[in-house]
Amino acid sequence: MKRAGKQRVDKQRVGKQHARKQPAARAMRRAAPPAGPLRLPAALEIHCVRDLASLALERLAAGRAVRIDGSAVQSADTAGLQLLVALRRDALANGTSFEWHGTSPVLLATGAILGLSASLGFVEAT
């Protein structure tokens, strides 16, 4: 019976050690942002800005080219476009390239209505 108890304790210890290693693995995954373009959601609105900013800042911190795929955007508000303007400005200020890999008609129109086409780099793209 002592052995059964000892095996149970050993399994618990191994489980705790495994649990301690998981945060380090998550940190490693975050250290290297994906190489593909950052895909904007269909609703580029204030509720998603924080998450998008976090993903974009990871790419900037890694010194990688910032590539944005805005082809899926079906609605956008000022907060969403403000994030993109700030991201482009920061990328260019740091000497990092900022590239569009697709823009939806809605994204282009919203940028034009708000007078942000040049700030977003749409003028060069058209």
Foldseek 3Di string as FASTA:
>chain_A
DVVVVVVVVVVVVVVVVVVVCVVVVVVVCLQDQDQDADEDAQELEDVCLVVSLSSLVSCVVVLAAHEYEAQNHNHYDPSSVVSLLVSCVVCVVVVHHYYYPYHHPNRCVVCVVVVNCVSNVVVVVD
